Amino acid sequence: MTYKETEFPQILEILAEYSKKGFPLEEIIMNLYKLYKDVPIYIGIVAMCLENLVKETKEKYIRKGDFIFLFDKNFIYQGEVKKIEMPNIYLKNVKVIVNKKNLKMKLKKQKLFKLEKNVLAKLWPSLYFKK
């Protein structure tokens, strides 16, 4: 059996779907890793749980301690519910992601990282097949 014949590729497809919907993946991947550590031999069960990990819900079902993603017009908020006083919700360990088509930023002395898109071609040229 090759890797492609296992259910691991299905996990990548599920993560890609979450990404296409705009979800920040960090918390989802951390939960995926925990699921995998809990049942490492049953990757199909992990994949099924991953598909059901994030569900749209109504405000009345949110409780203290829940981890939520809140999609706004220009922002995505993620965090743990600290307190609910309707119509307000208080979050802790919050991350805010801004959705912009274009953005001008001044480069100072921040840490800057680049995503290497051609990493396979650079590290393993014999395995890189142009389409």
N, C-alpha and C. Protein backbone atom coordinates (compact mmCIF):
# COMPACT_ATOMS: atom_id res chain seq x y z
N MET A 1 0.85 -1.17 0.00
CA MET A 1 0.00 0.00 0.00
C MET A 1 0.90 1.24 0.00
N THR A 2 0.59 2.15 -0.88
CA THR A 2 1.34 3.41 -0.93
C THR A 2 0.63 4.45 -0.08
N TYR A 3 1.35 5.52 0.16
CA TYR A 3 0.78 6.62 0.95
C TYR A 3 -0.51 7.12 0.30
N LYS A 4 -0.53 7.20 -1.02
CA LYS A 4 -1.70 7.71 -1.73
C LYS A 4 -2.92 6.82 -1.52
N GLU A 5 -2.69 5.54 -1.25
CA GLU A 5 -3.80 4.60 -1.03
C GLU A 5 -4.33 4.65 0.40
N THR A 6 -3.65 5.37 1.28
CA THR A 6 -4.15 5.51 2.64
C THR A 6 -5.18 6.63 2.69
N GLU A 7 -5.69 6.88 3.88
CA GLU A 7 -6.67 7.96 4.03
C GLU A 7 -6.02 9.29 4.41
N PHE A 8 -4.70 9.33 4.48
CA PHE A 8 -4.02 10.59 4.79
C PHE A 8 -4.30 11.68 3.75
N PRO A 9 -4.29 11.38 2.45
CA PRO A 9 -4.59 12.44 1.48
C PRO A 9 -5.97 13.07 1.68
N GLN A 10 -6.92 12.30 2.20
CA GLN A 10 -8.25 12.86 2.47
C GLN A 10 -8.15 13.97 3.51
N ILE A 11 -7.26 13.83 4.47
CA ILE A 11 -7.06 14.86 5.49
C ILE A 11 -6.57 16.15 4.84
N LEU A 12 -5.65 16.02 3.90
CA LEU A 12 -5.16 17.20 3.19
C LEU A 12 -6.28 17.87 2.40
N GLU A 13 -7.14 17.07 1.79
CA GLU A 13 -8.27 17.63 1.04
C GLU A 13 -9.23 18.37 1.97
N ILE A 14 -9.48 17.83 3.15
CA ILE A 14 -10.37 18.48 4.11
C ILE A 14 -9.76 19.80 4.57
N LEU A 15 -8.45 19.80 4.85
CA LEU A 15 -7.78 21.04 5.25
C LEU A 15 -7.84 22.08 4.12
N ALA A 16 -7.67 21.63 2.90
CA ALA A 16 -7.76 22.55 1.75
C ALA A 16 -9.16 23.15 1.65
N GLU A 17 -10.18 22.38 1.94
CA GLU A 17 -11.55 22.90 1.91
C GLU A 17 -11.77 23.95 3.00
N TYR A 18 -11.27 23.68 4.20
CA TYR A 18 -11.36 24.70 5.26
C TYR A 18 -10.67 25.98 4.83
N SER A 19 -9.51 25.84 4.22
CA SER A 19 -8.76 27.02 3.76
C SER A 19 -9.52 27.78 2.68
N LYS A 20 -10.13 27.08 1.74
CA LYS A 20 -10.92 27.74 0.69
C LYS A 20 -12.09 28.52 1.27
N LYS A 21 -12.63 28.05 2.38
CA LYS A 21 -13.74 28.74 3.04
C LYS A 21 -13.27 29.92 3.87
N GLY A 22 -11.94 30.09 3.98
CA GLY A 22 -11.39 31.25 4.67
C GLY A 22 -10.98 31.01 6.11
N PHE A 23 -11.07 29.78 6.59
CA PHE A 23 -10.71 29.50 7.97
C PHE A 23 -9.20 29.58 8.17
N PRO A 24 -8.76 30.26 9.23
CA PRO A 24 -7.34 30.18 9.59
C PRO A 24 -7.09 28.75 10.08
N LEU A 25 -6.03 28.14 9.63
CA LEU A 25 -5.85 26.70 9.86
C LEU A 25 -5.10 26.32 11.13
N GLU A 26 -4.46 27.26 11.80
CA GLU A 26 -3.61 26.89 12.93
C GLU A 26 -4.36 26.07 13.99
N GLU A 27 -5.47 26.56 14.47
CA GLU A 27 -6.22 25.86 15.52
C GLU A 27 -6.81 24.55 14.99
N ILE A 28 -7.23 24.53 13.75
CA ILE A 28 -7.77 23.31 13.15
C ILE A 28 -6.68 22.25 13.07
N ILE A 29 -5.49 22.63 12.66
CA ILE A 29 -4.38 21.67 12.57
C ILE A 29 -3.98 21.17 13.95
N MET A 30 -3.98 22.04 14.95
CA MET A 30 -3.65 21.60 16.31
C MET A 30 -4.67 20.57 16.81
N ASN A 31 -5.94 20.78 16.50
CA ASN A 31 -6.97 19.82 16.88
C ASN A 31 -6.84 18.53 16.08
N LEU A 32 -6.47 18.65 14.81
CA LEU A 32 -6.22 17.47 13.98
C LEU A 32 -5.09 16.64 14.57
N TYR A 33 -4.03 17.29 14.98
CA TYR A 33 -2.89 16.59 15.57
C TYR A 33 -3.30 15.87 16.84
N LYS A 34 -4.11 16.52 17.68
CA LYS A 34 -4.60 15.88 18.90
C LYS A 34 -5.45 14.66 18.58
N LEU A 35 -6.32 14.78 17.59
CA LEU A 35 -7.13 13.64 17.16
C LEU A 35 -6.24 12.49 16.70
N TYR A 36 -5.24 12.82 15.91
CA TYR A 36 -4.33 11.79 15.40
C TYR A 36 -3.57 11.11 16.54
N LYS A 37 -3.15 11.90 17.54
CA LYS A 37 -2.44 11.30 18.68
C LYS A 37 -3.38 10.40 19.49
N ASP A 38 -4.67 10.74 19.55
CA ASP A 38 -5.64 9.93 20.29
C ASP A 38 -5.92 8.60 19.61
N VAL A 39 -6.01 8.60 18.29
CA VAL A 39 -6.32 7.36 17.54
C VAL A 39 -5.44 7.26 16.28
N PRO A 40 -4.11 7.09 16.45
CA PRO A 40 -3.19 7.15 15.30
C PRO A 40 -3.40 6.03 14.28
N ILE A 41 -3.92 4.91 14.69
CA ILE A 41 -4.05 3.79 13.77
C ILE A 41 -5.32 3.88 12.92
N TYR A 42 -6.27 4.72 13.36
CA TYR A 42 -7.55 4.83 12.65
C TYR A 42 -7.65 6.18 11.96
N ILE A 43 -6.88 6.37 10.93
CA ILE A 43 -6.84 7.67 10.25
C ILE A 43 -8.19 8.00 9.60
N GLY A 44 -8.97 7.00 9.24
CA GLY A 44 -10.30 7.26 8.70
C GLY A 44 -11.21 7.92 9.72
N ILE A 45 -11.10 7.51 10.98
CA ILE A 45 -11.89 8.11 12.05
C ILE A 45 -11.42 9.55 12.28
N VAL A 46 -10.10 9.77 12.22
CA VAL A 46 -9.56 11.12 12.35
C VAL A 46 -10.10 12.01 11.24
N ALA A 47 -10.11 11.51 10.01
CA ALA A 47 -10.62 12.29 8.87
C ALA A 47 -12.10 12.62 9.05
N MET A 48 -12.88 11.64 9.51
CA MET A 48 -14.31 11.87 9.73
C MET A 48 -14.51 12.94 10.81
N CYS A 49 -13.73 12.86 11.89
CA CYS A 49 -13.83 13.87 12.95
C CYS A 49 -13.42 15.24 12.43
N LEU A 50 -12.36 15.28 11.61
CA LEU A 50 -11.89 16.55 11.06
C LEU A 50 -12.95 17.21 10.20
N GLU A 51 -13.68 16.42 9.42
CA GLU A 51 -14.75 16.97 8.58
C GLU A 51 -15.83 17.63 9.44
N ASN A 52 -16.01 17.17 10.65
CA ASN A 52 -17.05 17.67 11.53
C ASN A 52 -16.52 18.56 12.64
N LEU A 53 -15.27 18.95 12.56
CA LEU A 53 -14.63 19.74 13.60
C LEU A 53 -15.19 21.16 13.69
N VAL A 54 -15.46 21.78 12.56
CA VAL A 54 -15.95 23.16 12.53
C VAL A 54 -17.35 23.16 11.93
N LYS A 55 -18.30 23.64 12.70
CA LYS A 55 -19.69 23.69 12.25
C LYS A 55 -20.26 25.08 12.47
N GLU A 56 -21.04 25.56 11.51
CA GLU A 56 -21.73 26.83 11.70
C GLU A 56 -22.79 26.66 12.78
N THR A 57 -22.96 27.68 13.60
CA THR A 57 -23.90 27.60 14.71
C THR A 57 -24.56 28.95 14.95
N LYS A 58 -25.48 28.98 15.85
CA LYS A 58 -26.18 30.21 16.25
C LYS A 58 -25.62 30.70 17.59
N GLU A 59 -25.83 31.99 17.87
CA GLU A 59 -25.31 32.59 19.10
C GLU A 59 -25.80 31.87 20.35
N LYS A 60 -27.05 31.39 20.32
CA LYS A 60 -27.64 30.79 21.52
C LYS A 60 -26.96 29.47 21.91
N TYR A 61 -26.18 28.89 21.00
CA TYR A 61 -25.50 27.63 21.31
C TYR A 61 -24.05 27.81 21.75
N ILE A 62 -23.57 29.05 21.77
CA ILE A 62 -22.19 29.33 22.17
C ILE A 62 -22.12 29.38 23.69
N ARG A 63 -21.11 28.73 24.26
CA ARG A 63 -20.92 28.69 25.71
C ARG A 63 -19.50 29.12 26.08
N LYS A 64 -19.33 29.50 27.31
CA LYS A 64 -18.01 29.85 27.84
C LYS A 64 -17.08 28.65 27.62
N GLY A 65 -15.87 28.93 27.14
CA GLY A 65 -14.89 27.88 26.89
C GLY A 65 -14.88 27.37 25.46
N ASP A 66 -15.93 27.68 24.68
CA ASP A 66 -15.96 27.27 23.27
C ASP A 66 -14.90 28.03 22.50
N PHE A 67 -14.34 27.40 21.49
CA PHE A 67 -13.41 28.09 20.58
C PHE A 67 -14.22 28.43 19.34
N ILE A 68 -14.20 29.70 18.94
CA ILE A 68 -15.04 30.12 17.82
C ILE A 68 -14.22 30.82 16.74
N PHE A 69 -14.79 30.81 15.55
CA PHE A 69 -14.34 31.62 14.42
C PHE A 69 -15.51 32.54 14.09
N LEU A 70 -15.26 33.82 14.03
CA LEU A 70 -16.31 34.79 13.72
C LEU A 70 -15.91 35.54 12.47
N PHE A 71 -16.70 35.40 11.42
CA PHE A 71 -16.42 36.04 10.14
C PHE A 71 -17.18 37.35 10.06
N ASP A 72 -16.45 38.42 9.86
CA ASP A 72 -16.98 39.76 9.71
C ASP A 72 -16.74 40.15 8.25
N LYS A 73 -17.18 41.34 7.87
CA LYS A 73 -16.99 41.80 6.49
C LYS A 73 -15.52 41.88 6.12
N ASN A 74 -14.68 42.44 7.00
CA ASN A 74 -13.26 42.64 6.71
C ASN A 74 -12.31 41.86 7.60
N PHE A 75 -12.84 41.17 8.61
CA PHE A 75 -11.99 40.50 9.58
C PHE A 75 -12.48 39.09 9.87
N ILE A 76 -11.56 38.26 10.32
CA ILE A 76 -11.90 36.95 10.90
C ILE A 76 -11.32 36.97 12.30
N TYR A 77 -12.16 36.69 13.28
CA TYR A 77 -11.74 36.64 14.67
C TYR A 77 -11.76 35.18 15.10
N GLN A 78 -10.74 34.78 15.84
CA GLN A 78 -10.77 33.45 16.41
C GLN A 78 -10.31 33.55 17.86
N GLY A 79 -10.94 32.78 18.72
CA GLY A 79 -10.55 32.80 20.12
C GLY A 79 -11.48 31.97 20.97
N GLU A 80 -11.14 31.90 22.24
CA GLU A 80 -11.93 31.14 23.20
C GLU A 80 -12.91 32.08 23.88
N VAL A 81 -14.15 31.63 24.02
CA VAL A 81 -15.19 32.44 24.65
C VAL A 81 -14.89 32.56 26.14
N LYS A 82 -14.72 33.80 26.58
CA LYS A 82 -14.44 34.08 28.00
C LYS A 82 -15.73 34.37 28.75
N LYS A 83 -16.61 35.13 28.10
CA LYS A 83 -17.85 35.55 28.76
C LYS A 83 -18.85 35.93 27.68
N ILE A 84 -20.12 35.72 27.98
CA ILE A 84 -21.20 36.13 27.07
C ILE A 84 -22.17 37.00 27.84
N GLU A 85 -22.37 38.22 27.35
CA GLU A 85 -23.38 39.13 27.85
C GLU A 85 -24.08 39.69 26.62
N MET A 86 -25.09 39.02 26.18
CA MET A 86 -25.73 39.37 24.91
C MET A 86 -26.08 40.84 24.85
N PRO A 87 -25.81 41.51 23.78
CA PRO A 87 -25.33 40.98 22.50
C PRO A 87 -23.81 40.92 22.38
N ASN A 88 -23.07 41.05 23.49
CA ASN A 88 -21.62 41.05 23.43
C ASN A 88 -21.05 39.67 23.77
N ILE A 89 -19.92 39.40 23.15
CA ILE A 89 -19.19 38.18 23.46
C ILE A 89 -17.75 38.60 23.72
N TYR A 90 -17.16 38.06 24.76
CA TYR A 90 -15.79 38.37 25.14
C TYR A 90 -14.92 37.16 24.83
N LEU A 91 -13.82 37.41 24.13
CA LEU A 91 -12.92 36.34 23.75
C LEU A 91 -11.57 36.52 24.41
N LYS A 92 -10.86 35.41 24.61
CA LYS A 92 -9.48 35.48 25.08
C LYS A 92 -8.61 34.70 24.11
N ASN A 93 -7.32 34.98 24.15
CA ASN A 93 -6.37 34.38 23.21
C ASN A 93 -6.83 34.61 21.76
N VAL A 94 -7.13 35.86 21.48
CA VAL A 94 -7.76 36.25 20.21
C VAL A 94 -6.71 36.46 19.12
N LYS A 95 -7.04 36.01 17.94
CA LYS A 95 -6.27 36.35 16.74
C LYS A 95 -7.25 37.00 15.77
N VAL A 96 -6.79 38.07 15.15
CA VAL A 96 -7.61 38.80 14.18
C VAL A 96 -6.90 38.73 12.84
N ILE A 97 -7.60 38.26 11.85
CA ILE A 97 -7.06 38.18 10.50
C ILE A 97 -7.82 39.19 9.65
N VAL A 98 -7.07 40.03 8.94
CA VAL A 98 -7.67 41.06 8.10
C VAL A 98 -7.76 40.54 6.67
N ASN A 99 -8.90 40.72 6.05
CA ASN A 99 -9.09 40.34 4.65
C ASN A 99 -9.01 41.59 3.78
N LYS A 100 -7.95 41.71 3.03
CA LYS A 100 -7.75 42.85 2.13
C LYS A 100 -7.26 42.32 0.80
N LYS A 101 -7.69 42.95 -0.28
CA LYS A 101 -7.18 42.58 -1.60
C LYS A 101 -5.77 43.12 -1.79
N ASN A 102 -5.53 44.33 -1.31
CA ASN A 102 -4.22 44.97 -1.41
C ASN A 102 -3.91 45.67 -0.11
N LEU A 103 -2.63 45.76 0.20
CA LEU A 103 -2.21 46.40 1.43
C LEU A 103 -0.81 46.96 1.25
N LYS A 104 -0.63 48.20 1.63
CA LYS A 104 0.69 48.82 1.60
C LYS A 104 1.23 48.83 3.02
N MET A 105 2.44 48.30 3.19
CA MET A 105 3.05 48.24 4.52
C MET A 105 4.45 48.79 4.45
N LYS A 106 4.86 49.41 5.51
CA LYS A 106 6.22 49.91 5.60
C LYS A 106 7.07 48.83 6.26
N LEU A 107 8.14 48.46 5.59
CA LEU A 107 9.05 47.47 6.15
C LEU A 107 10.00 48.13 7.13
N LYS A 108 10.02 47.59 8.32
CA LYS A 108 10.91 48.10 9.37
C LYS A 108 11.86 46.98 9.72
N LYS A 109 11.89 46.60 10.96
CA LYS A 109 12.76 45.51 11.38
C LYS A 109 11.93 44.33 11.89
N GLN A 110 10.81 44.05 11.24
CA GLN A 110 9.99 42.92 11.63
C GLN A 110 10.65 41.62 11.16
N LYS A 111 10.21 40.52 11.74
CA LYS A 111 10.63 39.22 11.23
C LYS A 111 9.85 38.99 9.95
N LEU A 112 10.53 38.60 8.91
CA LEU A 112 9.91 38.42 7.60
C LEU A 112 10.21 37.00 7.12
N PHE A 113 9.19 36.28 6.72
CA PHE A 113 9.33 34.92 6.23
C PHE A 113 8.74 34.83 4.83
N LYS A 114 9.30 33.97 4.03
CA LYS A 114 8.83 33.78 2.66
C LYS A 114 8.44 32.32 2.47
N LEU A 115 7.33 32.10 1.81
CA LEU A 115 6.88 30.75 1.47
C LEU A 115 7.59 30.32 0.20
N GLU A 116 8.33 29.24 0.27
CA GLU A 116 9.06 28.73 -0.89
C GLU A 116 8.12 27.86 -1.73
N LYS A 117 7.65 28.40 -2.83
CA LYS A 117 6.67 27.68 -3.65
C LYS A 117 7.29 26.56 -4.48
N ASN A 118 8.56 26.66 -4.82
CA ASN A 118 9.21 25.65 -5.64
C ASN A 118 10.16 24.78 -4.82
N VAL A 119 9.77 24.46 -3.60
CA VAL A 119 10.65 23.72 -2.71
C VAL A 119 10.97 22.32 -3.24
N LEU A 120 10.03 21.64 -3.87
CA LEU A 120 10.30 20.31 -4.43
C LEU A 120 11.34 20.40 -5.53
N ALA A 121 11.19 21.36 -6.42
CA ALA A 121 12.15 21.53 -7.52
C ALA A 121 13.54 21.86 -7.00
N LYS A 122 13.61 22.61 -5.90
CA LYS A 122 14.91 22.99 -5.35
C LYS A 122 15.57 21.85 -4.58
N LEU A 123 14.79 21.15 -3.77
CA LEU A 123 15.37 20.10 -2.92
C LEU A 123 15.48 18.74 -3.61
N TRP A 124 14.54 18.44 -4.47
CA TRP A 124 14.50 17.15 -5.15
C TRP A 124 14.22 17.35 -6.64
N PRO A 125 15.14 17.92 -7.39
CA PRO A 125 14.88 18.19 -8.81
C PRO A 125 14.52 16.94 -9.61
N SER A 126 15.02 15.79 -9.18
CA SER A 126 14.71 14.53 -9.92
C SER A 126 13.25 14.12 -9.73
N LEU A 127 12.57 14.67 -8.71
CA LEU A 127 11.17 14.34 -8.47
C LEU A 127 10.21 15.41 -9.00
N TYR A 128 10.76 16.49 -9.50
CA TYR A 128 9.94 17.59 -10.00
C TYR A 128 9.64 17.37 -11.46
N PHE A 129 8.38 17.15 -11.77
CA PHE A 129 7.94 16.94 -13.14
C PHE A 129 7.07 18.09 -13.56
N LYS A 130 7.50 18.84 -14.56
CA LYS A 130 6.70 19.97 -15.04
C LYS A 130 5.43 19.43 -15.67
N LYS A 131 4.37 20.16 -15.51
CA LYS A 131 3.08 19.70 -16.07
C LYS A 131 2.98 20.12 -17.51
